[in-house]
Amino acid sequence: ITDKTAHEYLAELKYVPARELSPEGKLSSVKLAALTEQAAVQLENYGAFRKISCSATKIVIMFSARGVILLDEA
């Protein structure tokens, strides 16, 4: 696949159970940082596992039943 494209996207999805959110629907900064770090490590593993010969953008998507918590480049 990568030999036919100039760019790829790698996305890591993290689901956060509603019980881990505050009543306002927020995630604690400590938990957010930990999950973001886990996602970044997983994306690095994906990149190392697959032979990617083109440019790749790594995206972290964190969500719960209440909606998207984080959508960011890793």
C-alpha atoms as a PDB file:
ATOM      1  CA  ILE A   1       0.000   0.000   0.000  1.00  0.00           C
ATOM      2  CA  THR A   2       2.654   2.539   0.959  1.00  0.00           C
ATOM      3  CA  ASP A   3       4.482   2.228  -2.340  1.00  0.00           C
ATOM      4  CA  LYS A   4       1.450   3.718  -4.114  1.00  0.00           C
ATOM      5  CA  THR A   5       0.859   6.665  -1.799  1.00  0.00           C
ATOM      6  CA  ALA A   6       2.816   9.733  -0.836  1.00  0.00           C
ATOM      7  CA  HIS A   7       1.242   9.986   2.616  1.00  0.00           C
ATOM      8  CA  GLU A   8      -0.469   7.762   5.195  1.00  0.00           C
ATOM      9  CA  TYR A   9      -2.430   8.315   8.379  1.00  0.00           C
ATOM     10  CA  LEU A  10      -2.075   6.148  11.464  1.00  0.00           C
ATOM     11  CA  ALA A  11      -4.842   6.603  14.031  1.00  0.00           C
ATOM     12  CA  GLU A  12      -5.032   5.326  17.582  1.00  0.00           C
ATOM     13  CA  LEU A  13      -8.480   5.261  19.181  1.00  0.00           C
ATOM     14  CA  LYS A  14      -8.831   5.368  22.948  1.00  0.00           C
ATOM     15  CA  TYR A  15     -12.242   4.765  24.517  1.00  0.00           C
ATOM     16  CA  VAL A  16     -12.805   6.291  27.955  1.00  0.00           C
ATOM     17  CA  PRO A  17     -15.651   4.771  29.992  1.00  0.00           C
ATOM     18  CA  ALA A  18     -18.163   7.339  31.243  1.00  0.00           C
ATOM     19  CA  ARG A  19     -17.415   6.370  34.866  1.00  0.00           C
ATOM     20  CA  GLU A  20     -13.898   7.831  34.430  1.00  0.00           C
ATOM     21  CA  LEU A  21     -15.271  11.267  33.522  1.00  0.00           C
ATOM     22  CA  SER A  22     -16.230  14.018  35.938  1.00  0.00           C
ATOM     23  CA  PRO A  23     -19.912  15.015  36.206  1.00  0.00           C
ATOM     24  CA  GLU A  24     -19.087  17.787  33.714  1.00  0.00           C
ATOM     25  CA  GLY A  25     -17.842  15.188  31.221  1.00  0.00           C
ATOM     26  CA  LYS A  26     -14.152  16.038  31.669  1.00  0.00           C
ATOM     27  CA  LEU A  27     -11.191  13.709  32.075  1.00  0.00           C
ATOM     28  CA  SER A  28      -8.581  14.433  34.748  1.00  0.00           C
ATOM     29  CA  SER A  29      -5.350  15.924  33.420  1.00  0.00           C
ATOM     30  CA  VAL A  30      -3.370  12.988  34.848  1.00  0.00           C
ATOM     31  CA  LYS A  31      -5.553  10.393  33.100  1.00  0.00           C
ATOM     32  CA  LEU A  32      -5.562  12.431  29.883  1.00  0.00           C
ATOM     33  CA  ALA A  33      -1.755  12.619  29.891  1.00  0.00           C
ATOM     34  CA  ALA A  34      -1.424   8.886  30.614  1.00  0.00           C
ATOM     35  CA  LEU A  35      -3.802   7.867  27.827  1.00  0.00           C
ATOM     36  CA  THR A  36      -2.172  10.289  25.387  1.00  0.00           C
ATOM     37  CA  GLU A  37       1.247   8.798  26.179  1.00  0.00           C
ATOM     38  CA  GLN A  38      -0.107   5.256  25.720  1.00  0.00           C
ATOM     39  CA  ALA A  39      -1.536   6.247  22.355  1.00  0.00           C
ATOM     40  CA  ALA A  40       1.748   7.831  21.234  1.00  0.00           C
ATOM     41  CA  VAL A  41       3.682   4.681  22.166  1.00  0.00           C
ATOM     42  CA  GLN A  42       1.170   2.500  20.328  1.00  0.00           C
ATOM     43  CA  LEU A  43       1.429   4.692  17.224  1.00  0.00           C
ATOM     44  CA  GLU A  44       5.218   4.383  17.305  1.00  0.00           C
ATOM     45  CA  ASN A  45       4.815   0.605  17.524  1.00  0.00           C
ATOM     46  CA  TYR A  46       2.490   0.619  14.509  1.00  0.00           C
ATOM     47  CA  GLY A  47       5.008   2.673  12.558  1.00  0.00           C
ATOM     48  CA  ALA A  48       7.830   0.297  13.454  1.00  0.00           C
ATOM     49  CA  PHE A  49       5.773  -2.820  12.727  1.00  0.00           C
ATOM     50  CA  ARG A  50       4.595  -1.745   9.281  1.00  0.00           C
ATOM     51  CA  LYS A  51       7.036  -0.834   6.579  1.00  0.00           C
ATOM     52  CA  ILE A  52       6.014   2.717   5.883  1.00  0.00           C
ATOM     53  CA  SER A  53       8.036   4.188   3.081  1.00  0.00           C
ATOM     54  CA  CYS A  54       6.111   7.439   2.844  1.00  0.00           C
ATOM     55  CA  SER A  55       5.251  10.313   5.136  1.00  0.00           C
ATOM     56  CA  ALA A  56       2.827   9.361   7.930  1.00  0.00           C
ATOM     57  CA  THR A  57       0.682  11.541  10.161  1.00  0.00           C
ATOM     58  CA  LYS A  58      -0.092   9.986  13.550  1.00  0.00           C
ATOM     59  CA  ILE A  59      -3.432  10.904  15.094  1.00  0.00           C
ATOM     60  CA  VAL A  60      -4.828  10.242  18.580  1.00  0.00           C
ATOM     61  CA  ILE A  61      -8.607  10.140  18.984  1.00  0.00           C
ATOM     62  CA  MET A  62      -9.914   9.827  22.530  1.00  0.00           C
ATOM     63  CA  PHE A  63     -13.654   9.508  23.030  1.00  0.00           C
ATOM     64  CA  SER A  64     -16.405   8.406  25.382  1.00  0.00           C
ATOM     65  CA  ALA A  65     -20.128   7.820  25.080  1.00  0.00           C
ATOM     66  CA  ARG A  66     -20.484  11.572  25.653  1.00  0.00           C
ATOM     67  CA  GLY A  67     -18.373  12.548  22.638  1.00  0.00           C
ATOM     68  CA  VAL A  68     -14.836  13.285  21.518  1.00  0.00           C
ATOM     69  CA  ILE A  69     -12.436  14.180  24.337  1.00  0.00           C
ATOM     70  CA  LEU A  70      -9.275  14.667  22.286  1.00  0.00           C
ATOM     71  CA  LEU A  71      -8.391  14.761  18.597  1.00  0.00           C
ATOM     72  CA  ASP A  72      -4.733  15.589  18.094  1.00  0.00           C
ATOM     73  CA  GLU A  73      -1.576  14.747  16.199  1.00  0.00           C
ATOM     74  CA  ALA A  74       0.857  12.600  18.159  1.00  0.00           C
END
